[in-house]
């Protein structure tokens, strides 16, 4: 049972027989408002270290006992305190392993499960969103899922731990509630994967949702704007001519498709603009240069899925074979997955 410090336990069974080693019994954990959060059956295992004082209906300190009806019993269960992010968990225990953890939102008090990457680039990364090859939630019409719409979807049970891929889209409330300094993008299929981290994207005061919401929609970007890659695999270098697809490795949000023509910046939203994270991409524009002809051509091919010219269909890197292989990944892998982590 995981519980914050302010939770109380309520006894459900009455099998107390006076034996100090009698640790069987069903308990429920309740929040301040009496909402049932979770339950666990005590089985006498060594990790049972809950100690409950039912005379005051409150959690007491370890190794104390409680009395009820004149019978003295010892009921123990381990108390594990929630963390608000994987980073907070990792900072409190550097031995924490990658895996699924139960977190809570400091904004709302909600509990949620999240996958924590405790190994890559210093550890402490919380997975907050996934764009999967077969998903359809990350659409232009539903781009508010990145910002004001707190709807969550997907299931961590869908995650294959062999290659960390998903078959469906995923989002948890950490996208909206975890303060962010760093962002990591990971691309994975059943065959191979790559990752890139971006430090100091924010000052740790805003969530990723807040960062995206504060970024102008369909804004023209210069090649050296955006956020430079801090660590990770090579996936995009500056190219000339028709070689390469990703023009550099900087991370952007809410990019406009300008096809390398800066004169289009004064025009309205053009086709294949996107929302959320994306990268500078060359599709039918001839050059990736560090000059005036910065392509930003079809950025929706590199993102999570929103595309203004196909508003009811999820697009993005997992759906576009050319963009996927442009990362240097195999085009034949199944369960293509693009994941967003925050720290």
C-alpha atoms as a PDB file:
ATOM      1  CA  UNK A   1       0.000   0.000   0.000  1.00  0.00           C
ATOM      2  CA  UNK A   2       1.369   3.411  -0.933  1.00  0.00           C
ATOM      3  CA  UNK A   3       0.123   6.383   1.038  1.00  0.00           C
ATOM      4  CA  UNK A   4       1.019   9.990   1.829  1.00  0.00           C
ATOM      5  CA  UNK A   5       1.720  10.893   5.441  1.00  0.00           C
ATOM      6  CA  UNK A   6      -1.783  12.218   6.075  1.00  0.00           C
ATOM      7  CA  UNK A   7      -3.640   8.978   5.319  1.00  0.00           C
ATOM      8  CA  UNK A   8      -5.403   6.837   7.914  1.00  0.00           C
ATOM      9  CA  UNK A   9      -6.220   3.130   7.956  1.00  0.00           C
ATOM     10  CA  UNK A  10      -9.553   1.540   8.867  1.00  0.00           C
ATOM     11  CA  UNK A  11      -9.779  -2.035  10.162  1.00  0.00           C
ATOM     12  CA  UNK A  12     -12.125  -4.246   8.118  1.00  0.00           C
ATOM     13  CA  UNK A  13     -11.529  -7.664   9.703  1.00  0.00           C
ATOM     14  CA  UNK A  14     -12.094  -8.729  13.309  1.00  0.00           C
ATOM     15  CA  UNK A  15      -9.829 -11.777  13.512  1.00  0.00           C
ATOM     16  CA  UNK A  16      -7.665 -10.300  16.273  1.00  0.00           C
ATOM     17  CA  UNK A  17      -6.937 -13.220  18.586  1.00  0.00           C
ATOM     18  CA  UNK A  18      -4.318 -11.690  20.849  1.00  0.00           C
ATOM     19  CA  UNK A  19      -1.353 -13.198  19.013  1.00  0.00           C
ATOM     20  CA  UNK A  20       1.430 -10.761  18.213  1.00  0.00           C
ATOM     21  CA  UNK A  21       2.300 -12.717  15.059  1.00  0.00           C
ATOM     22  CA  UNK A  22      -1.244 -12.648  13.774  1.00  0.00           C
ATOM     23  CA  UNK A  23      -0.767 -10.295  10.830  1.00  0.00           C
ATOM     24  CA  UNK A  24      -3.640 -11.501   8.650  1.00  0.00           C
ATOM     25  CA  UNK A  25      -6.432  -9.045   7.977  1.00  0.00           C
ATOM     26  CA  UNK A  26      -7.923  -6.746   5.339  1.00  0.00           C
ATOM     27  CA  UNK A  27      -7.304  -3.019   5.571  1.00  0.00           C
ATOM     28  CA  UNK A  28      -8.327  -0.060   3.446  1.00  0.00           C
ATOM     29  CA  UNK A  29      -6.415   3.185   3.136  1.00  0.00           C
ATOM     30  CA  UNK A  30      -8.495   6.355   3.137  1.00  0.00           C
ATOM     31  CA  UNK A  31      -7.656   9.952   2.286  1.00  0.00           C
ATOM     32  CA  UNK A  32      -8.670  13.043   4.215  1.00  0.00           C
ATOM     33  CA  UNK A  33     -12.075  13.137   2.561  1.00  0.00           C
ATOM     34  CA  UNK A  34     -12.726   9.464   3.227  1.00  0.00           C
ATOM     35  CA  UNK A  35     -12.133   8.414  -0.374  1.00  0.00           C
ATOM     36  CA  UNK A  36     -11.081   4.802  -0.724  1.00  0.00           C
ATOM     37  CA  UNK A  37      -7.638   4.765  -2.315  1.00  0.00           C
ATOM     38  CA  UNK A  38      -6.413   1.199  -2.124  1.00  0.00           C
ATOM     39  CA  UNK A  39      -6.489  -1.948  -0.008  1.00  0.00           C
ATOM     40  CA  UNK A  40      -4.082  -4.690   0.875  1.00  0.00           C
ATOM     41  CA  UNK A  41      -4.311  -8.020   2.681  1.00  0.00           C
ATOM     42  CA  UNK A  42      -1.606  -8.437   5.274  1.00  0.00           C
ATOM     43  CA  UNK A  43       0.065 -11.823   4.934  1.00  0.00           C
ATOM     44  CA  UNK A  44       2.750 -11.816   7.590  1.00  0.00           C
ATOM     45  CA  UNK A  45       5.560 -11.131   5.117  1.00  0.00           C
ATOM     46  CA  UNK A  46       8.722  -9.463   6.454  1.00  0.00           C
ATOM     47  CA  UNK A  47       7.889  -6.164   4.748  1.00  0.00           C
ATOM     48  CA  UNK A  48       4.732  -5.744   6.841  1.00  0.00           C
ATOM     49  CA  UNK A  49       5.519  -2.692   8.939  1.00  0.00           C
ATOM     50  CA  UNK A  50       2.290  -0.717   9.104  1.00  0.00           C
ATOM     51  CA  UNK A  51       1.524  -0.065  12.769  1.00  0.00           C
ATOM     52  CA  UNK A  52      -1.971   1.239  13.376  1.00  0.00           C
ATOM     53  CA  UNK A  53      -3.438   2.704  16.546  1.00  0.00           C
ATOM     54  CA  UNK A  54      -7.142   1.999  16.092  1.00  0.00           C
ATOM     55  CA  UNK A  55      -8.040   3.562  19.419  1.00  0.00           C
ATOM     56  CA  UNK A  56      -7.300   6.922  17.804  1.00  0.00           C
ATOM     57  CA  UNK A  57      -7.963   5.763  14.233  1.00  0.00           C
ATOM     58  CA  UNK A  58      -4.563   7.056  13.187  1.00  0.00           C
ATOM     59  CA  UNK A  59      -1.231   5.687  12.019  1.00  0.00           C
ATOM     60  CA  UNK A  60       1.156   5.339  14.927  1.00  0.00           C
ATOM     61  CA  UNK A  61       4.910   4.930  14.930  1.00  0.00           C
ATOM     62  CA  UNK A  62       6.714   1.706  14.094  1.00  0.00           C
ATOM     63  CA  UNK A  63       6.730  -1.169  16.640  1.00  0.00           C
ATOM     64  CA  UNK A  64       3.868   0.218  18.731  1.00  0.00           C
ATOM     65  CA  UNK A  65       0.699  -1.794  19.195  1.00  0.00           C
ATOM     66  CA  UNK A  66      -2.975  -0.980  19.486  1.00  0.00           C
ATOM     67  CA  UNK A  67      -5.852  -2.147  21.653  1.00  0.00           C
ATOM     68  CA  UNK A  68      -9.430  -2.883  20.708  1.00  0.00           C
ATOM     69  CA  UNK A  69     -12.008  -4.493  22.995  1.00  0.00           C
ATOM     70  CA  UNK A  70      -9.354  -5.299  25.575  1.00  0.00           C
ATOM     71  CA  UNK A  71      -7.397  -7.496  23.144  1.00  0.00           C
ATOM     72  CA  UNK A  72      -3.846  -6.413  22.356  1.00  0.00           C
ATOM     73  CA  UNK A  73      -2.693  -7.051  18.761  1.00  0.00           C
ATOM     74  CA  UNK A  74       0.137  -6.042  16.432  1.00  0.00           C
ATOM     75  CA  UNK A  75      -0.771  -5.260  12.852  1.00  0.00           C
ATOM     76  CA  UNK A  76       2.055  -4.004  10.616  1.00  0.00           C
ATOM     77  CA  UNK A  77       2.335  -3.053   6.979  1.00  0.00           C
ATOM     78  CA  UNK A  78       5.066  -1.163   5.200  1.00  0.00           C
ATOM     79  CA  UNK A  79       4.389   2.515   4.713  1.00  0.00           C
ATOM     80  CA  UNK A  80       5.757   3.893   1.442  1.00  0.00           C
ATOM     81  CA  UNK A  81       5.368   7.620   0.928  1.00  0.00           C
ATOM     82  CA  UNK A  82       4.396   8.909  -2.502  1.00  0.00           C
ATOM     83  CA  UNK A  83       6.673  11.053  -4.620  1.00  0.00           C
ATOM     84  CA  UNK A  84       5.357  13.770  -6.911  1.00  0.00           C
ATOM     85  CA  UNK A  85       7.697  12.823  -9.758  1.00  0.00           C
ATOM     86  CA  UNK A  86      10.315  10.257 -10.689  1.00  0.00           C
ATOM     87  CA  UNK A  87      12.970  12.904 -10.122  1.00  0.00           C
ATOM     88  CA  UNK A  88      11.789  13.423  -6.558  1.00  0.00           C
ATOM     89  CA  UNK A  89      11.786   9.670  -6.001  1.00  0.00           C
ATOM     90  CA  UNK A  90      15.286   9.305  -7.435  1.00  0.00           C
ATOM     91  CA  UNK A  91      16.684  12.177  -5.364  1.00  0.00           C
ATOM     92  CA  UNK A  92      15.300  10.555  -2.211  1.00  0.00           C
ATOM     93  CA  UNK A  93      16.705   7.131  -3.122  1.00  0.00           C
ATOM     94  CA  UNK A  94      19.511   6.926  -5.685  1.00  0.00           C
ATOM     95  CA  UNK A  95      19.197   3.119  -5.675  1.00  0.00           C
ATOM     96  CA  UNK A  96      15.714   3.337  -7.248  1.00  0.00           C
ATOM     97  CA  UNK A  97      15.401   1.170 -10.347  1.00  0.00           C
ATOM     98  CA  UNK A  98      13.575   1.962 -13.579  1.00  0.00           C
ATOM     99  CA  UNK A  99       9.980   0.771 -13.495  1.00  0.00           C
ATOM    100  CA  UNK A 100       6.410   1.758 -12.677  1.00  0.00           C
ATOM    101  CA  UNK A 101       5.866   3.911  -9.588  1.00  0.00           C
ATOM    102  CA  UNK A 102       2.782   5.324  -7.920  1.00  0.00           C
ATOM    103  CA  UNK A 103       3.025   9.133  -7.848  1.00  0.00           C
ATOM    104  CA  UNK A 104       0.741  11.919  -6.716  1.00  0.00           C
ATOM    105  CA  UNK A 105      -0.008  15.368  -8.057  1.00  0.00           C
ATOM    106  CA  UNK A 106       0.907  18.300  -5.825  1.00  0.00           C
ATOM    107  CA  UNK A 107      -1.646  20.318  -7.773  1.00  0.00           C
ATOM    108  CA  UNK A 108      -4.720  18.157  -7.142  1.00  0.00           C
ATOM    109  CA  UNK A 109      -3.665  15.327  -4.820  1.00  0.00           C
ATOM    110  CA  UNK A 110      -4.560  12.776  -7.512  1.00  0.00           C
ATOM    111  CA  UNK A 111      -2.608   9.524  -7.598  1.00  0.00           C
ATOM    112  CA  UNK A 112      -1.311   8.104 -10.848  1.00  0.00           C
ATOM    113  CA  UNK A 113       1.048   5.424 -12.050  1.00  0.00           C
ATOM    114  CA  UNK A 114       4.007   6.440 -14.169  1.00  0.00           C
ATOM    115  CA  UNK A 115       7.003   4.767 -15.712  1.00  0.00           C
ATOM    116  CA  UNK A 116      10.279   6.108 -14.307  1.00  0.00           C
ATOM    117  CA  UNK A 117      13.565   5.958 -16.203  1.00  0.00           C
ATOM    118  CA  UNK A 118      16.158   5.959 -13.433  1.00  0.00           C
ATOM    119  CA  UNK A 119      19.147   5.192 -15.675  1.00  0.00           C
ATOM    120  CA  UNK A 120      19.310   7.486 -18.717  1.00  0.00           C
ATOM    121  CA  UNK A 121      21.194  10.799 -18.503  1.00  0.00           C
ATOM    122  CA  UNK A 122      21.265  11.014 -14.722  1.00  0.00           C
ATOM    123  CA  UNK A 123      17.911   9.301 -14.093  1.00  0.00           C
ATOM    124  CA  UNK A 124      14.724  10.677 -12.573  1.00  0.00           C
ATOM    125  CA  UNK A 125      12.713  10.888 -15.813  1.00  0.00           C
ATOM    126  CA  UNK A 126       8.897  10.637 -15.676  1.00  0.00           C
ATOM    127  CA  UNK A 127       7.105   9.321 -18.762  1.00  0.00           C
ATOM    128  CA  UNK A 128       4.123  11.641 -19.324  1.00  0.00           C
ATOM    129  CA  UNK A 129       2.990  10.983 -22.908  1.00  0.00           C
ATOM    130  CA  UNK A 130       3.329   8.448 -25.721  1.00  0.00           C
ATOM    131  CA  UNK A 131       2.513   8.684 -29.412  1.00  0.00           C
ATOM    132  CA  UNK A 132       2.040   5.191 -30.830  1.00  0.00           C
ATOM    133  CA  UNK A 133       1.854   4.020 -34.400  1.00  0.00           C
ATOM    134  CA  UNK A 134      -1.735   2.811 -34.012  1.00  0.00           C
ATOM    135  CA  UNK A 135      -3.079   5.621 -31.823  1.00  0.00           C
ATOM    136  CA  UNK A 136      -5.411   8.436 -32.839  1.00  0.00           C
ATOM    137  CA  UNK A 137      -5.728  10.760 -29.812  1.00  0.00           C
ATOM    138  CA  UNK A 138      -2.921  13.142 -30.805  1.00  0.00           C
ATOM    139  CA  UNK A 139      -4.872  14.960 -33.528  1.00  0.00           C
ATOM    140  CA  UNK A 140      -5.040  18.640 -34.442  1.00  0.00           C
ATOM    141  CA  UNK A 141      -8.689  18.806 -33.328  1.00  0.00           C
ATOM    142  CA  UNK A 142      -7.637  17.356 -29.955  1.00  0.00           C
ATOM    143  CA  UNK A 143      -4.434  19.360 -29.460  1.00  0.00           C
ATOM    144  CA  UNK A 144      -5.838  20.692 -26.187  1.00  0.00           C
ATOM    145  CA  UNK A 145      -4.791  17.314 -24.737  1.00  0.00           C
ATOM    146  CA  UNK A 146      -1.370  18.968 -24.559  1.00  0.00           C
ATOM    147  CA  UNK A 147      -2.638  21.981 -22.607  1.00  0.00           C
ATOM    148  CA  UNK A 148      -6.064  22.624 -21.065  1.00  0.00           C
ATOM    149  CA  UNK A 149      -7.706  19.227 -21.479  1.00  0.00           C
ATOM    150  CA  UNK A 150      -6.574  16.998 -18.600  1.00  0.00           C
ATOM    151  CA  UNK A 151      -8.096  13.837 -20.100  1.00  0.00           C
ATOM    152  CA  UNK A 152      -5.774  10.869 -19.637  1.00  0.00           C
ATOM    153  CA  UNK A 153      -5.668   7.757 -21.794  1.00  0.00           C
ATOM    154  CA  UNK A 154      -3.709   4.599 -22.401  1.00  0.00           C
ATOM    155  CA  UNK A 155      -2.382   2.037 -19.964  1.00  0.00           C
ATOM    156  CA  UNK A 156       1.102   1.159 -18.786  1.00  0.00           C
ATOM    157  CA  UNK A 157       0.059  -2.488 -19.044  1.00  0.00           C
ATOM    158  CA  UNK A 158       0.352  -1.947 -22.802  1.00  0.00           C
ATOM    159  CA  UNK A 159       4.067  -1.226 -22.426  1.00  0.00           C
ATOM    160  CA  UNK A 160       6.403  -4.010 -23.532  1.00  0.00           C
ATOM    161  CA  UNK A 161       9.362  -3.951 -21.173  1.00  0.00           C
ATOM    162  CA  UNK A 162      11.583  -5.796 -23.644  1.00  0.00           C
ATOM    163  CA  UNK A 163      11.723  -2.782 -25.935  1.00  0.00           C
ATOM    164  CA  UNK A 164       9.596  -0.199 -24.064  1.00  0.00           C
ATOM    165  CA  UNK A 165       7.176   0.172 -26.974  1.00  0.00           C
ATOM    166  CA  UNK A 166       3.431   0.842 -26.875  1.00  0.00           C
ATOM    167  CA  UNK A 167       0.658  -0.195 -29.258  1.00  0.00           C
ATOM    168  CA  UNK A 168      -1.668   2.641 -28.173  1.00  0.00           C
ATOM    169  CA  UNK A 169      -1.294   6.276 -27.146  1.00  0.00           C
ATOM    170  CA  UNK A 170      -0.736   7.169 -23.515  1.00  0.00           C
ATOM    171  CA  UNK A 171      -0.966  10.256 -21.322  1.00  0.00           C
ATOM    172  CA  UNK A 172      -0.950  10.842 -17.559  1.00  0.00           C
ATOM    173  CA  UNK A 173      -1.566  13.955 -15.459  1.00  0.00           C
ATOM    174  CA  UNK A 174       2.153  14.469 -15.008  1.00  0.00           C
ATOM    175  CA  UNK A 175       2.065  16.265 -18.360  1.00  0.00           C
ATOM    176  CA  UNK A 176       0.011  18.987 -16.657  1.00  0.00           C
ATOM    177  CA  UNK A 177       1.261  18.915 -13.076  1.00  0.00           C
ATOM    178  CA  UNK A 178       4.974  18.052 -12.854  1.00  0.00           C
ATOM    179  CA  UNK A 179       7.252  21.130 -12.861  1.00  0.00           C
ATOM    180  CA  UNK A 180       9.810  20.729 -15.643  1.00  0.00           C
ATOM    181  CA  UNK A 181      13.410  21.705 -16.180  1.00  0.00           C
ATOM    182  CA  UNK A 182      14.465  19.021 -18.663  1.00  0.00           C
ATOM    183  CA  UNK A 183      12.698  17.119 -21.452  1.00  0.00           C
ATOM    184  CA  UNK A 184      13.674  13.824 -23.069  1.00  0.00           C
ATOM    185  CA  UNK A 185      12.354  12.320 -26.303  1.00  0.00           C
ATOM    186  CA  UNK A 186      12.746   8.605 -26.972  1.00  0.00           C
ATOM    187  CA  UNK A 187      11.892   6.815 -30.207  1.00  0.00           C
ATOM    188  CA  UNK A 188      11.560   3.026 -30.039  1.00  0.00           C
ATOM    189  CA  UNK A 189      10.378   0.111 -32.133  1.00  0.00           C
ATOM    190  CA  UNK A 190      10.653  -3.626 -31.710  1.00  0.00           C
ATOM    191  CA  UNK A 191      14.026  -3.454 -33.495  1.00  0.00           C
ATOM    192  CA  UNK A 192      15.894  -0.361 -32.297  1.00  0.00           C
ATOM    193  CA  UNK A 193      15.631   2.929 -30.428  1.00  0.00           C
ATOM    194  CA  UNK A 194      17.185   6.373 -29.969  1.00  0.00           C
ATOM    195  CA  UNK A 195      16.870   9.130 -27.408  1.00  0.00           C
ATOM    196  CA  UNK A 196      17.713  12.788 -26.967  1.00  0.00           C
ATOM    197  CA  UNK A 197      17.589  14.939 -23.831  1.00  0.00           C
ATOM    198  CA  UNK A 198      17.141  18.689 -23.606  1.00  0.00           C
ATOM    199  CA  UNK A 199      18.220  20.397 -20.392  1.00  0.00           C
ATOM    200  CA  UNK A 200      17.012  23.790 -19.135  1.00  0.00           C
ATOM    201  CA  UNK A 201      13.919  23.898 -21.317  1.00  0.00           C
ATOM    202  CA  UNK A 202      12.276  25.673 -18.380  1.00  0.00           C
ATOM    203  CA  UNK A 203      13.201  26.965 -14.933  1.00  0.00           C
ATOM    204  CA  UNK A 204      11.284  24.271 -13.088  1.00  0.00           C
ATOM    205  CA  UNK A 205       8.232  26.437 -12.454  1.00  0.00           C
ATOM    206  CA  UNK A 206       6.056  25.290 -15.366  1.00  0.00           C
ATOM    207  CA  UNK A 207       4.757  21.911 -16.462  1.00  0.00           C
ATOM    208  CA  UNK A 208       5.378  20.713 -19.999  1.00  0.00           C
ATOM    209  CA  UNK A 209       1.727  21.450 -20.673  1.00  0.00           C
ATOM    210  CA  UNK A 210       2.277  25.036 -19.536  1.00  0.00           C
ATOM    211  CA  UNK A 211       5.381  25.385 -21.704  1.00  0.00           C
ATOM    212  CA  UNK A 212       3.520  24.211 -24.803  1.00  0.00           C
ATOM    213  CA  UNK A 213       0.508  26.414 -24.049  1.00  0.00           C
ATOM    214  CA  UNK A 214       2.752  29.472 -23.659  1.00  0.00           C
ATOM    215  CA  UNK A 215       4.418  28.843 -27.048  1.00  0.00           C
ATOM    216  CA  UNK A 216       2.899  30.690 -29.996  1.00  0.00           C
ATOM    217  CA  UNK A 217       0.933  28.365 -32.266  1.00  0.00           C
ATOM    218  CA  UNK A 218       2.319  27.904 -35.801  1.00  0.00           C
ATOM    219  CA  UNK A 219       5.168  30.321 -35.224  1.00  0.00           C
ATOM    220  CA  UNK A 220       8.003  30.622 -37.711  1.00  0.00           C
ATOM    221  CA  UNK A 221      11.268  29.509 -36.196  1.00  0.00           C
ATOM    222  CA  UNK A 222      14.893  30.202 -37.026  1.00  0.00           C
ATOM    223  CA  UNK A 223      17.196  27.239 -37.288  1.00  0.00           C
ATOM    224  CA  UNK A 224      19.177  28.179 -34.183  1.00  0.00           C
ATOM    225  CA  UNK A 225      16.108  28.823 -32.052  1.00  0.00           C
ATOM    226  CA  UNK A 226      14.467  25.993 -30.152  1.00  0.00           C
ATOM    227  CA  UNK A 227      16.302  23.970 -27.516  1.00  0.00           C
ATOM    228  CA  UNK A 228      19.718  22.405 -28.219  1.00  0.00           C
ATOM    229  CA  UNK A 229      20.262  18.732 -27.524  1.00  0.00           C
ATOM    230  CA  UNK A 230      22.227  18.030 -24.333  1.00  0.00           C
ATOM    231  CA  UNK A 231      22.809  14.287 -24.613  1.00  0.00           C
ATOM    232  CA  UNK A 232      21.664  11.217 -26.508  1.00  0.00           C
ATOM    233  CA  UNK A 233      22.038   9.507 -29.848  1.00  0.00           C
ATOM    234  CA  UNK A 234      22.792  11.269 -33.119  1.00  0.00           C
ATOM    235  CA  UNK A 235      19.678  11.532 -35.244  1.00  0.00           C
ATOM    236  CA  UNK A 236      19.896  14.779 -37.192  1.00  0.00           C
ATOM    237  CA  UNK A 237      22.842  16.720 -38.521  1.00  0.00           C
ATOM    238  CA  UNK A 238      23.085  19.747 -40.783  1.00  0.00           C
ATOM    239  CA  UNK A 239      23.082  18.599 -44.393  1.00  0.00           C
ATOM    240  CA  UNK A 240      23.305  20.145 -47.812  1.00  0.00           C
ATOM    241  CA  UNK A 241      21.730  19.048 -51.060  1.00  0.00           C
ATOM    242  CA  UNK A 242      19.258  16.217 -50.676  1.00  0.00           C
ATOM    243  CA  UNK A 243      21.030  14.169 -48.002  1.00  0.00           C
ATOM    244  CA  UNK A 244      19.484  13.775 -44.605  1.00  0.00           C
ATOM    245  CA  UNK A 245      16.020  14.563 -43.345  1.00  0.00           C
ATOM    246  CA  UNK A 246      16.402  16.169 -39.902  1.00  0.00           C
ATOM    247  CA  UNK A 247      18.004  19.597 -40.067  1.00  0.00           C
ATOM    248  CA  UNK A 248      19.823  19.612 -36.760  1.00  0.00           C
ATOM    249  CA  UNK A 249      18.679  18.112 -33.471  1.00  0.00           C
ATOM    250  CA  UNK A 250      17.004  21.027 -31.722  1.00  0.00           C
ATOM    251  CA  UNK A 251      13.616  20.545 -30.076  1.00  0.00           C
ATOM    252  CA  UNK A 252      10.755  22.912 -30.940  1.00  0.00           C
ATOM    253  CA  UNK A 253       7.107  23.304 -29.977  1.00  0.00           C
ATOM    254  CA  UNK A 254       4.124  24.218 -32.183  1.00  0.00           C
ATOM    255  CA  UNK A 255       6.102  24.624 -35.411  1.00  0.00           C
ATOM    256  CA  UNK A 256       4.750  26.185 -38.585  1.00  0.00           C
ATOM    257  CA  UNK A 257       5.393  24.582 -41.972  1.00  0.00           C
ATOM    258  CA  UNK A 258       7.186  27.234 -44.065  1.00  0.00           C
ATOM    259  CA  UNK A 259       8.940  25.032 -46.658  1.00  0.00           C
ATOM    260  CA  UNK A 260      12.185  26.937 -46.260  1.00  0.00           C
ATOM    261  CA  UNK A 261      10.639  30.204 -47.422  1.00  0.00           C
ATOM    262  CA  UNK A 262      10.833  32.846 -44.691  1.00  0.00           C
ATOM    263  CA  UNK A 263       8.409  35.046 -46.658  1.00  0.00           C
ATOM    264  CA  UNK A 264       5.633  32.670 -45.605  1.00  0.00           C
ATOM    265  CA  UNK A 265       6.068  33.666 -41.961  1.00  0.00           C
ATOM    266  CA  UNK A 266       3.690  36.567 -42.506  1.00  0.00           C
ATOM    267  CA  UNK A 267       1.011  34.319 -43.936  1.00  0.00           C
ATOM    268  CA  UNK A 268      -1.598  32.282 -42.122  1.00  0.00           C
ATOM    269  CA  UNK A 269      -1.215  28.731 -40.866  1.00  0.00           C
ATOM    270  CA  UNK A 270       0.163  26.609 -43.689  1.00  0.00           C
ATOM    271  CA  UNK A 271      -0.291  22.903 -44.329  1.00  0.00           C
ATOM    272  CA  UNK A 272       1.575  20.371 -42.197  1.00  0.00           C
ATOM    273  CA  UNK A 273       2.046  22.723 -39.261  1.00  0.00           C
ATOM    274  CA  UNK A 274       1.996  20.878 -35.968  1.00  0.00           C
ATOM    275  CA  UNK A 275       1.357  21.255 -32.248  1.00  0.00           C
ATOM    276  CA  UNK A 276       3.468  20.003 -29.378  1.00  0.00           C
ATOM    277  CA  UNK A 277       7.049  18.758 -29.749  1.00  0.00           C
ATOM    278  CA  UNK A 278       8.660  18.502 -33.182  1.00  0.00           C
ATOM    279  CA  UNK A 279      11.881  19.030 -35.131  1.00  0.00           C
ATOM    280  CA  UNK A 280      13.236  20.880 -38.161  1.00  0.00           C
ATOM    281  CA  UNK A 281      12.640  18.565 -41.100  1.00  0.00           C
ATOM    282  CA  UNK A 282      13.340  18.611 -44.835  1.00  0.00           C
ATOM    283  CA  UNK A 283      10.773  16.929 -47.016  1.00  0.00           C
ATOM    284  CA  UNK A 284      10.525  18.472 -50.501  1.00  0.00           C
ATOM    285  CA  UNK A 285      12.727  21.462 -49.745  1.00  0.00           C
ATOM    286  CA  UNK A 286      16.180  20.926 -51.197  1.00  0.00           C
ATOM    287  CA  UNK A 287      18.545  22.007 -48.425  1.00  0.00           C
ATOM    288  CA  UNK A 288      19.229  21.911 -44.712  1.00  0.00           C
ATOM    289  CA  UNK A 289      21.420  24.945 -44.185  1.00  0.00           C
ATOM    290  CA  UNK A 290      22.420  27.110 -41.292  1.00  0.00           C
ATOM    291  CA  UNK A 291      21.472  30.217 -43.238  1.00  0.00           C
ATOM    292  CA  UNK A 292      18.392  31.802 -44.702  1.00  0.00           C
ATOM    293  CA  UNK A 293      16.938  28.664 -46.291  1.00  0.00           C
ATOM    294  CA  UNK A 294      15.908  26.848 -43.136  1.00  0.00           C
ATOM    295  CA  UNK A 295      13.386  24.277 -44.344  1.00  0.00           C
ATOM    296  CA  UNK A 296      10.965  23.635 -41.451  1.00  0.00           C
ATOM    297  CA  UNK A 297       9.242  21.609 -44.117  1.00  0.00           C
ATOM    298  CA  UNK A 298       6.390  19.380 -42.881  1.00  0.00           C
ATOM    299  CA  UNK A 299       7.255  19.542 -39.148  1.00  0.00           C
ATOM    300  CA  UNK A 300       4.114  17.485 -38.508  1.00  0.00           C
ATOM    301  CA  UNK A 301       6.057  14.498 -39.868  1.00  0.00           C
ATOM    302  CA  UNK A 302       8.416  14.648 -36.876  1.00  0.00           C
ATOM    303  CA  UNK A 303       5.969  15.338 -34.049  1.00  0.00           C
ATOM    304  CA  UNK A 304       3.445  13.579 -31.846  1.00  0.00           C
ATOM    305  CA  UNK A 305       0.645  13.627 -34.384  1.00  0.00           C
ATOM    306  CA  UNK A 306      -1.258  16.931 -34.714  1.00  0.00           C
ATOM    307  CA  UNK A 307      -1.344  18.219 -38.307  1.00  0.00           C
ATOM    308  CA  UNK A 308      -3.514  21.164 -39.275  1.00  0.00           C
ATOM    309  CA  UNK A 309      -4.112  19.887 -42.815  1.00  0.00           C
ATOM    310  CA  UNK A 310      -5.341  16.498 -41.506  1.00  0.00           C
ATOM    311  CA  UNK A 311      -7.140  17.620 -38.344  1.00  0.00           C
ATOM    312  CA  UNK A 312      -9.047  14.393 -37.655  1.00  0.00           C
ATOM    313  CA  UNK A 313      -6.121  12.011 -38.179  1.00  0.00           C
ATOM    314  CA  UNK A 314      -3.022  11.462 -36.097  1.00  0.00           C
ATOM    315  CA  UNK A 315       0.111  11.953 -38.167  1.00  0.00           C
ATOM    316  CA  UNK A 316       3.600  12.278 -36.671  1.00  0.00           C
ATOM    317  CA  UNK A 317       6.896  10.410 -36.695  1.00  0.00           C
ATOM    318  CA  UNK A 318       5.419   7.014 -35.863  1.00  0.00           C
ATOM    319  CA  UNK A 319       3.097   7.181 -38.905  1.00  0.00           C
ATOM    320  CA  UNK A 320       5.623   8.471 -41.440  1.00  0.00           C
ATOM    321  CA  UNK A 321       8.145   5.878 -42.609  1.00  0.00           C
ATOM    322  CA  UNK A 322      10.429   8.464 -44.218  1.00  0.00           C
ATOM    323  CA  UNK A 323      10.586  10.532 -41.040  1.00  0.00           C
ATOM    324  CA  UNK A 324      11.155   7.392 -38.970  1.00  0.00           C
ATOM    325  CA  UNK A 325      14.023   6.113 -41.094  1.00  0.00           C
ATOM    326  CA  UNK A 326      15.315   9.693 -41.224  1.00  0.00           C
ATOM    327  CA  UNK A 327      16.084   9.291 -37.531  1.00  0.00           C
ATOM    328  CA  UNK A 328      18.429   6.457 -38.456  1.00  0.00           C
ATOM    329  CA  UNK A 329      15.974   3.810 -37.261  1.00  0.00           C
ATOM    330  CA  UNK A 330      14.819   0.727 -39.097  1.00  0.00           C
ATOM    331  CA  UNK A 331      11.646   1.265 -41.067  1.00  0.00           C
ATOM    332  CA  UNK A 332      10.494  -2.316 -40.645  1.00  0.00           C
ATOM    333  CA  UNK A 333      10.129  -2.354 -36.848  1.00  0.00           C
ATOM    334  CA  UNK A 334       6.664  -2.803 -35.381  1.00  0.00           C
ATOM    335  CA  UNK A 335       5.013  -0.780 -32.597  1.00  0.00           C
ATOM    336  CA  UNK A 336       6.769   2.490 -33.434  1.00  0.00           C
ATOM    337  CA  UNK A 337       6.633   4.638 -30.314  1.00  0.00           C
ATOM    338  CA  UNK A 338       7.609   8.248 -29.577  1.00  0.00           C
ATOM    339  CA  UNK A 339       7.764   9.057 -25.869  1.00  0.00           C
ATOM    340  CA  UNK A 340       7.999  12.255 -23.845  1.00  0.00           C
ATOM    341  CA  UNK A 341       9.759  12.292 -20.473  1.00  0.00           C
ATOM    342  CA  UNK A 342      10.144  15.201 -18.068  1.00  0.00           C
ATOM    343  CA  UNK A 343      12.438  15.907 -15.155  1.00  0.00           C
END
